[in-house]
Amino acid sequence: MSENFNRKTFEYFESAGKNRKNLKWFEKNKELYEENVKAPFTYLIKKMDLALGSQFPGIPVLPRKMSQPFYREEFIPEDGTVVKNKCSAFLSEKSGSKFEWNPGLYLTLSSEENIMGHGLYRPSSRQMKLLRAHIMKDPAQISRLMKFGKFREAWGELQGEKFIRFPKDFNADEKGAEFLWHKQFYFQKSLTRKAVLDRNFSEHVIQDFKLAAPYISWMRETVGVYIREEAG
């Protein structure tokens, strides 16, 4: 089994895309998946755990966080897709509410697009309230995190949608107000297939996520985790 992604990794994704409604195809090609998708992805996550585990306390960096190669019967999309032409992992603390995402790291490889990112996707109203309060209380802190040279070189600018109108109850001229235009607080970038196939790909992924550690720590401390109270 390979420790690195290789051309057969993408051969699998491309073939899976052409046979997305055929579970028998997957059964015949399971070995191709096991050796060239699951094995290197598992190796990468284990390597990430060794290098990053201490920097992301509370976030399980475990191979079990990898997506399955096919949809379970109760989750099959309306178009009938069964076999996935991608493999991904979202690493975050388990949420206490089905209405919230938690800040985390993610990586997706597929026949169509390869991406990696981190942060908080679609903050809930509770999370957004906390984020705005912390940002305006100490705008210099988030500015330092996002504008740190190596971080900015690796991750660029905040991604996602912005509000059409500035949020009420805030002054658009105050320091830190530029961050309040954002609906989402995540960073993401695309990866070329050549980059994924590079023998040092895992080291590059680890290095970029290391640079993200201070931002993720700030985000997790800021929004916390909502624990739904059980009815008495």
C-alpha atoms as a PDB file:
ATOM      1  CA  MET A   1       0.000   0.000   0.000  1.00  0.00           C
ATOM      2  CA  SER A   2       1.217   3.481  -0.873  1.00  0.00           C
ATOM      3  CA  GLU A   3       2.070   6.108   1.737  1.00  0.00           C
ATOM      4  CA  ASN A   4       1.685   8.819  -0.910  1.00  0.00           C
ATOM      5  CA  PHE A   5      -1.092   9.753  -3.295  1.00  0.00           C
ATOM      6  CA  ASN A   6      -0.310   8.720  -6.852  1.00  0.00           C
ATOM      7  CA  ARG A   7      -1.778   8.641 -10.353  1.00  0.00           C
ATOM      8  CA  LYS A   8      -3.950   5.641  -9.415  1.00  0.00           C
ATOM      9  CA  THR A   9      -5.553   7.790  -6.717  1.00  0.00           C
ATOM     10  CA  PHE A  10      -7.015  10.031  -9.375  1.00  0.00           C
ATOM     11  CA  GLU A  11      -7.700   7.121 -11.730  1.00  0.00           C
ATOM     12  CA  TYR A  12      -9.954   5.806  -8.984  1.00  0.00           C
ATOM     13  CA  PHE A  13     -11.734   9.158  -8.525  1.00  0.00           C
ATOM     14  CA  GLU A  14     -12.303   9.558 -12.267  1.00  0.00           C
ATOM     15  CA  SER A  15     -13.643   6.011 -12.671  1.00  0.00           C
ATOM     16  CA  ALA A  16     -15.813   6.420  -9.574  1.00  0.00           C
ATOM     17  CA  GLY A  17     -17.352   9.525 -11.140  1.00  0.00           C
ATOM     18  CA  LYS A  18     -18.291   7.532 -14.230  1.00  0.00           C
ATOM     19  CA  ASN A  19     -19.761   4.720 -12.126  1.00  0.00           C
ATOM     20  CA  ARG A  20     -21.334   6.751  -9.338  1.00  0.00           C
ATOM     21  CA  LYS A  21     -24.636   4.807  -9.426  1.00  0.00           C
ATOM     22  CA  ASN A  22     -23.040   1.387  -9.555  1.00  0.00           C
ATOM     23  CA  LEU A  23     -22.117  -0.081  -6.166  1.00  0.00           C
ATOM     24  CA  LYS A  24     -20.984  -3.306  -7.843  1.00  0.00           C
ATOM     25  CA  TRP A  25     -18.299  -1.248  -9.586  1.00  0.00           C
ATOM     26  CA  PHE A  26     -16.957  -0.216  -6.181  1.00  0.00           C
ATOM     27  CA  GLU A  27     -16.938  -3.791  -4.957  1.00  0.00           C
ATOM     28  CA  LYS A  28     -14.845  -4.783  -7.967  1.00  0.00           C
ATOM     29  CA  ASN A  29     -12.484  -1.838  -7.456  1.00  0.00           C
ATOM     30  CA  LYS A  30     -12.311  -1.848  -3.670  1.00  0.00           C
ATOM     31  CA  GLU A  31      -8.644  -2.827  -3.700  1.00  0.00           C
ATOM     32  CA  LEU A  32      -7.816   0.156  -5.911  1.00  0.00           C
ATOM     33  CA  TYR A  33      -9.543   2.400  -3.355  1.00  0.00           C
ATOM     34  CA  GLU A  34      -7.945   0.724  -0.329  1.00  0.00           C
ATOM     35  CA  GLU A  35      -4.407   0.939  -1.672  1.00  0.00           C
ATOM     36  CA  ASN A  36      -4.399   4.305  -3.422  1.00  0.00           C
ATOM     37  CA  VAL A  37      -6.974   6.440  -1.612  1.00  0.00           C
ATOM     38  CA  LYS A  38      -7.643   5.120   1.873  1.00  0.00           C
ATOM     39  CA  ALA A  39      -4.073   4.061   2.677  1.00  0.00           C
ATOM     40  CA  PRO A  40      -2.332   7.361   1.791  1.00  0.00           C
ATOM     41  CA  PHE A  41      -5.141   9.430   3.323  1.00  0.00           C
ATOM     42  CA  THR A  42      -4.881   7.405   6.547  1.00  0.00           C
ATOM     43  CA  TYR A  43      -1.112   7.844   6.522  1.00  0.00           C
ATOM     44  CA  LEU A  44      -1.515  11.598   6.070  1.00  0.00           C
ATOM     45  CA  ILE A  45      -3.953  11.981   8.975  1.00  0.00           C
ATOM     46  CA  LYS A  46      -1.756   9.900  11.289  1.00  0.00           C
ATOM     47  CA  LYS A  47       1.215  12.026  10.328  1.00  0.00           C
ATOM     48  CA  MET A  48      -0.856  15.158  10.972  1.00  0.00           C
ATOM     49  CA  ASP A  49      -1.802  13.840  14.399  1.00  0.00           C
ATOM     50  CA  LEU A  50       1.841  13.371  15.373  1.00  0.00           C
ATOM     51  CA  ALA A  51       2.806  16.825  14.123  1.00  0.00           C
ATOM     52  CA  LEU A  52      -0.303  18.821  14.995  1.00  0.00           C
ATOM     53  CA  GLY A  53      -2.135  17.020  17.781  1.00  0.00           C
ATOM     54  CA  SER A  54      -0.644  19.159  20.554  1.00  0.00           C
ATOM     55  CA  GLN A  55      -1.474  22.360  18.672  1.00  0.00           C
ATOM     56  CA  PHE A  56      -5.157  21.487  18.281  1.00  0.00           C
ATOM     57  CA  PRO A  57      -6.213  20.212  21.724  1.00  0.00           C
ATOM     58  CA  GLY A  58      -9.786  19.013  21.716  1.00  0.00           C
ATOM     59  CA  ILE A  59      -9.821  18.349  17.974  1.00  0.00           C
ATOM     60  CA  PRO A  60      -9.503  14.616  17.177  1.00  0.00           C
ATOM     61  CA  VAL A  61      -7.041  14.156  14.315  1.00  0.00           C
ATOM     62  CA  LEU A  62      -8.010  10.588  13.537  1.00  0.00           C
ATOM     63  CA  PRO A  63      -8.394   8.440  10.379  1.00  0.00           C
ATOM     64  CA  ARG A  64     -11.983   7.603  11.380  1.00  0.00           C
ATOM     65  CA  LYS A  65     -12.821  11.200  10.428  1.00  0.00           C
ATOM     66  CA  MET A  66     -12.336  10.253   6.763  1.00  0.00           C
ATOM     67  CA  SER A  67     -15.429  10.085   4.618  1.00  0.00           C
ATOM     68  CA  GLN A  68     -16.692   6.708   3.425  1.00  0.00           C
ATOM     69  CA  PRO A  69     -16.297   5.828  -0.291  1.00  0.00           C
ATOM     70  CA  PHE A  70     -20.046   5.384  -0.796  1.00  0.00           C
ATOM     71  CA  TYR A  71     -23.298   6.708   0.623  1.00  0.00           C
ATOM     72  CA  ARG A  72     -25.288   4.692   3.111  1.00  0.00           C
ATOM     73  CA  GLU A  73     -28.733   3.785   1.854  1.00  0.00           C
ATOM     74  CA  GLU A  74     -30.541   6.389   3.978  1.00  0.00           C
ATOM     75  CA  PHE A  75     -28.273   9.182   2.693  1.00  0.00           C
ATOM     76  CA  ILE A  76     -28.227   8.453  -1.040  1.00  0.00           C
ATOM     77  CA  PRO A  77     -28.776  11.742  -2.956  1.00  0.00           C
ATOM     78  CA  GLU A  78     -31.866  12.244  -5.091  1.00  0.00           C
ATOM     79  CA  ASP A  79     -29.858  11.735  -8.278  1.00  0.00           C
ATOM     80  CA  GLY A  80     -29.065   8.167  -7.211  1.00  0.00           C
ATOM     81  CA  THR A  81     -25.334   8.627  -6.651  1.00  0.00           C
ATOM     82  CA  VAL A  82     -23.964   5.803  -4.514  1.00  0.00           C
ATOM     83  CA  VAL A  83     -20.200   5.825  -5.115  1.00  0.00           C
ATOM     84  CA  LYS A  84     -18.300   8.994  -4.211  1.00  0.00           C
ATOM     85  CA  ASN A  85     -15.625  10.361  -6.526  1.00  0.00           C
ATOM     86  CA  LYS A  86     -13.843  12.049  -3.624  1.00  0.00           C
ATOM     87  CA  CYS A  87     -12.342  11.475  -0.205  1.00  0.00           C
ATOM     88  CA  SER A  88     -12.421  14.072   2.530  1.00  0.00           C
ATOM     89  CA  ALA A  89     -11.856  14.648   6.217  1.00  0.00           C
ATOM     90  CA  PHE A  90     -13.308  17.322   8.488  1.00  0.00           C
ATOM     91  CA  LEU A  91     -11.466  17.521  11.794  1.00  0.00           C
ATOM     92  CA  SER A  92     -13.308  19.354  14.549  1.00  0.00           C
ATOM     93  CA  GLU A  93     -14.584  19.009  18.079  1.00  0.00           C
ATOM     94  CA  LYS A  94     -17.919  17.202  18.210  1.00  0.00           C
ATOM     95  CA  SER A  95     -20.757  19.702  18.214  1.00  0.00           C
ATOM     96  CA  GLY A  96     -23.284  19.853  21.019  1.00  0.00           C
ATOM     97  CA  SER A  97     -25.927  21.090  18.599  1.00  0.00           C
ATOM     98  CA  LYS A  98     -27.056  19.969  15.158  1.00  0.00           C
ATOM     99  CA  PHE A  99     -27.506  23.644  14.284  1.00  0.00           C
ATOM    100  CA  GLU A 100     -23.850  24.585  14.576  1.00  0.00           C
ATOM    101  CA  TRP A 101     -20.541  23.775  12.945  1.00  0.00           C
ATOM    102  CA  ASN A 102     -17.412  23.882  15.064  1.00  0.00           C
ATOM    103  CA  PRO A 103     -14.121  25.441  13.927  1.00  0.00           C
ATOM    104  CA  GLY A 104     -11.912  22.840  12.307  1.00  0.00           C
ATOM    105  CA  LEU A 105      -9.625  21.702   9.493  1.00  0.00           C
ATOM    106  CA  TYR A 106     -10.677  20.048   6.272  1.00  0.00           C
ATOM    107  CA  LEU A 107      -9.136  18.434   3.218  1.00  0.00           C
ATOM    108  CA  THR A 108     -10.921  17.103   0.141  1.00  0.00           C
ATOM    109  CA  LEU A 109      -9.391  15.290  -2.833  1.00  0.00           C
ATOM    110  CA  SER A 110     -11.461  14.387  -5.886  1.00  0.00           C
ATOM    111  CA  SER A 111     -11.512  14.063  -9.648  1.00  0.00           C
ATOM    112  CA  GLU A 112     -12.877  17.611  -9.894  1.00  0.00           C
ATOM    113  CA  GLU A 113     -11.217  19.759  -7.228  1.00  0.00           C
ATOM    114  CA  ASN A 114      -8.690  19.434  -4.434  1.00  0.00           C
ATOM    115  CA  ILE A 115      -9.067  21.837  -1.519  1.00  0.00           C
ATOM    116  CA  MET A 116      -7.868  22.376   2.023  1.00  0.00           C
ATOM    117  CA  GLY A 117      -9.064  24.883   4.543  1.00  0.00           C
ATOM    118  CA  HIS A 118      -9.785  25.779   8.133  1.00  0.00           C
ATOM    119  CA  GLY A 119     -11.948  28.010  10.274  1.00  0.00           C
ATOM    120  CA  LEU A 120     -15.660  28.326  10.921  1.00  0.00           C
ATOM    121  CA  TYR A 121     -18.199  27.751   8.148  1.00  0.00           C
ATOM    122  CA  ARG A 122     -21.649  29.364   8.479  1.00  0.00           C
ATOM    123  CA  PRO A 123     -21.523  30.627  12.079  1.00  0.00           C
ATOM    124  CA  SER A 124     -24.765  30.284  14.021  1.00  0.00           C
ATOM    125  CA  SER A 125     -26.384  33.395  15.478  1.00  0.00           C
ATOM    126  CA  ARG A 126     -24.876  32.459  18.851  1.00  0.00           C
ATOM    127  CA  GLN A 127     -21.409  32.114  17.390  1.00  0.00           C
ATOM    128  CA  MET A 128     -21.706  35.290  15.314  1.00  0.00           C
ATOM    129  CA  LYS A 129     -22.726  37.310  18.365  1.00  0.00           C
ATOM    130  CA  LEU A 130     -19.648  36.103  20.258  1.00  0.00           C
ATOM    131  CA  LEU A 131     -17.345  36.673  17.294  1.00  0.00           C
ATOM    132  CA  ARG A 132     -18.503  40.257  16.808  1.00  0.00           C
ATOM    133  CA  ALA A 133     -18.165  41.045  20.508  1.00  0.00           C
ATOM    134  CA  HIS A 134     -14.608  39.660  20.689  1.00  0.00           C
ATOM    135  CA  ILE A 135     -13.526  41.317  17.453  1.00  0.00           C
ATOM    136  CA  MET A 136     -14.708  44.756  18.512  1.00  0.00           C
ATOM    137  CA  LYS A 137     -13.323  44.362  22.022  1.00  0.00           C
ATOM    138  CA  ASP A 138      -9.812  43.627  20.711  1.00  0.00           C
ATOM    139  CA  PRO A 139      -9.651  44.177  16.933  1.00  0.00           C
ATOM    140  CA  ALA A 140      -5.854  44.173  16.976  1.00  0.00           C
ATOM    141  CA  GLN A 141      -5.793  40.498  17.964  1.00  0.00           C
ATOM    142  CA  ILE A 142      -7.668  39.109  14.971  1.00  0.00           C
ATOM    143  CA  SER A 143      -5.847  41.537  12.711  1.00  0.00           C
ATOM    144  CA  ARG A 144      -2.489  40.198  13.903  1.00  0.00           C
ATOM    145  CA  LEU A 145      -3.620  36.615  13.368  1.00  0.00           C
ATOM    146  CA  MET A 146      -4.857  37.170   9.816  1.00  0.00           C
ATOM    147  CA  LYS A 147      -2.129  39.534   8.665  1.00  0.00           C
ATOM    148  CA  PHE A 148       0.853  37.594  10.001  1.00  0.00           C
ATOM    149  CA  GLY A 149       3.164  37.336   6.990  1.00  0.00           C
ATOM    150  CA  LYS A 150       3.546  33.543   6.679  1.00  0.00           C
ATOM    151  CA  PHE A 151      -0.119  32.942   7.482  1.00  0.00           C
ATOM    152  CA  ARG A 152      -1.260  35.396   4.831  1.00  0.00           C
ATOM    153  CA  GLU A 153       1.176  33.947   2.293  1.00  0.00           C
ATOM    154  CA  ALA A 154      -0.203  30.455   2.875  1.00  0.00           C
ATOM    155  CA  TRP A 155      -3.914  31.253   3.265  1.00  0.00           C
ATOM    156  CA  GLY A 156      -4.663  34.630   1.726  1.00  0.00           C
ATOM    157  CA  GLU A 157      -7.904  36.371   2.695  1.00  0.00           C
ATOM    158  CA  LEU A 158     -11.091  35.244   4.455  1.00  0.00           C
ATOM    159  CA  GLN A 159     -13.376  33.324   2.106  1.00  0.00           C
ATOM    160  CA  GLY A 160     -17.146  33.163   1.799  1.00  0.00           C
ATOM    161  CA  GLU A 161     -19.986  35.612   1.437  1.00  0.00           C
ATOM    162  CA  LYS A 162     -20.251  39.124   2.856  1.00  0.00           C
ATOM    163  CA  PHE A 163     -23.259  41.049   4.087  1.00  0.00           C
ATOM    164  CA  ILE A 164     -24.850  43.526   1.686  1.00  0.00           C
ATOM    165  CA  ARG A 165     -25.580  45.886   4.584  1.00  0.00           C
ATOM    166  CA  PHE A 166     -23.339  46.515   7.546  1.00  0.00           C
ATOM    167  CA  PRO A 167     -24.659  44.850  10.747  1.00  0.00           C
ATOM    168  CA  LYS A 168     -26.782  47.155  12.866  1.00  0.00           C
ATOM    169  CA  ASP A 169     -25.669  48.168  16.355  1.00  0.00           C
ATOM    170  CA  PHE A 170     -22.093  48.586  15.125  1.00  0.00           C
ATOM    171  CA  ASN A 171     -20.139  51.514  13.737  1.00  0.00           C
ATOM    172  CA  ALA A 172     -18.578  50.863  10.335  1.00  0.00           C
ATOM    173  CA  ASP A 173     -15.843  53.417  11.097  1.00  0.00           C
ATOM    174  CA  GLU A 174     -14.510  51.666  14.214  1.00  0.00           C
ATOM    175  CA  LYS A 175     -11.353  49.591  14.192  1.00  0.00           C
ATOM    176  CA  GLY A 176     -12.134  45.959  13.403  1.00  0.00           C
ATOM    177  CA  ALA A 177     -15.359  46.854  11.602  1.00  0.00           C
ATOM    178  CA  GLU A 178     -13.989  45.497   8.309  1.00  0.00           C
ATOM    179  CA  PHE A 179     -14.285  41.966   9.737  1.00  0.00           C
ATOM    180  CA  LEU A 180     -17.974  42.411  10.525  1.00  0.00           C
ATOM    181  CA  TRP A 181     -18.846  42.426   6.828  1.00  0.00           C
ATOM    182  CA  HIS A 182     -18.098  38.689   6.721  1.00  0.00           C
ATOM    183  CA  LYS A 183     -20.825  36.057   6.997  1.00  0.00           C
ATOM    184  CA  GLN A 184     -18.267  33.273   7.335  1.00  0.00           C
ATOM    185  CA  PHE A 185     -14.866  32.955   8.953  1.00  0.00           C
ATOM    186  CA  TYR A 186     -12.914  30.321   7.062  1.00  0.00           C
ATOM    187  CA  PHE A 187      -9.843  30.184   4.842  1.00  0.00           C
ATOM    188  CA  GLN A 188      -9.608  27.875   1.858  1.00  0.00           C
ATOM    189  CA  LYS A 189      -7.336  27.226  -1.085  1.00  0.00           C
ATOM    190  CA  SER A 190      -7.264  24.973  -4.103  1.00  0.00           C
ATOM    191  CA  LEU A 191      -4.515  22.428  -4.642  1.00  0.00           C
ATOM    192  CA  THR A 192      -3.235  21.363  -8.023  1.00  0.00           C
ATOM    193  CA  ARG A 193      -3.080  17.673  -8.801  1.00  0.00           C
ATOM    194  CA  LYS A 194       0.681  18.092  -9.195  1.00  0.00           C
ATOM    195  CA  ALA A 195       0.894  19.409  -5.625  1.00  0.00           C
ATOM    196  CA  VAL A 196      -1.086  16.432  -4.271  1.00  0.00           C
ATOM    197  CA  LEU A 197       1.192  13.993  -6.094  1.00  0.00           C
ATOM    198  CA  ASP A 198       4.353  15.654  -4.789  1.00  0.00           C
ATOM    199  CA  ARG A 199       6.289  13.284  -2.523  1.00  0.00           C
ATOM    200  CA  ASN A 200       6.423  16.049   0.120  1.00  0.00           C
ATOM    201  CA  PHE A 201       2.690  16.773   0.002  1.00  0.00           C
ATOM    202  CA  SER A 202       2.071  15.704   3.612  1.00  0.00           C
ATOM    203  CA  GLU A 203       4.816  18.031   4.868  1.00  0.00           C
ATOM    204  CA  HIS A 204       3.285  20.951   2.956  1.00  0.00           C
ATOM    205  CA  VAL A 205      -0.173  20.210   4.393  1.00  0.00           C
ATOM    206  CA  ILE A 206       1.190  19.989   7.922  1.00  0.00           C
ATOM    207  CA  GLN A 207       3.160  23.214   7.572  1.00  0.00           C
ATOM    208  CA  ASP A 208       0.120  25.142   6.332  1.00  0.00           C
ATOM    209  CA  PHE A 209      -2.095  23.801   9.108  1.00  0.00           C
ATOM    210  CA  LYS A 210       0.580  24.689  11.672  1.00  0.00           C
ATOM    211  CA  LEU A 211       0.319  28.272  10.487  1.00  0.00           C
ATOM    212  CA  ALA A 212      -3.443  28.052  11.014  1.00  0.00           C
ATOM    213  CA  ALA A 213      -3.160  26.878  14.635  1.00  0.00           C
ATOM    214  CA  PRO A 214      -3.239  30.338  16.316  1.00  0.00           C
ATOM    215  CA  TYR A 215      -6.324  31.354  14.323  1.00  0.00           C
ATOM    216  CA  ILE A 216      -8.166  28.103  15.074  1.00  0.00           C
ATOM    217  CA  SER A 217      -7.274  28.385  18.775  1.00  0.00           C
ATOM    218  CA  TRP A 218      -8.624  31.949  18.876  1.00  0.00           C
ATOM    219  CA  MET A 219     -11.779  30.886  17.076  1.00  0.00           C
ATOM    220  CA  ARG A 220     -12.433  27.919  19.378  1.00  0.00           C
ATOM    221  CA  GLU A 221     -11.836  30.019  22.500  1.00  0.00           C
ATOM    222  CA  THR A 222     -14.153  32.707  21.157  1.00  0.00           C
ATOM    223  CA  VAL A 223     -17.215  30.669  20.185  1.00  0.00           C
ATOM    224  CA  GLY A 224     -16.853  27.714  22.565  1.00  0.00           C
ATOM    225  CA  VAL A 225     -19.250  24.791  22.149  1.00  0.00           C
ATOM    226  CA  TYR A 226     -22.974  25.015  22.638  1.00  0.00           C
ATOM    227  CA  ILE A 227     -24.188  22.249  24.960  1.00  0.00           C
ATOM    228  CA  ARG A 228     -27.901  21.660  24.541  1.00  0.00           C
ATOM    229  CA  GLU A 229     -29.612  21.265  27.903  1.00  0.00           C
ATOM    230  CA  GLU A 230     -31.708  18.153  28.327  1.00  0.00           C
ATOM    231  CA  ALA A 231     -35.362  18.726  29.138  1.00  0.00           C
ATOM    232  CA  GLY A 232     -36.039  18.343  32.834  1.00  0.00           C
END
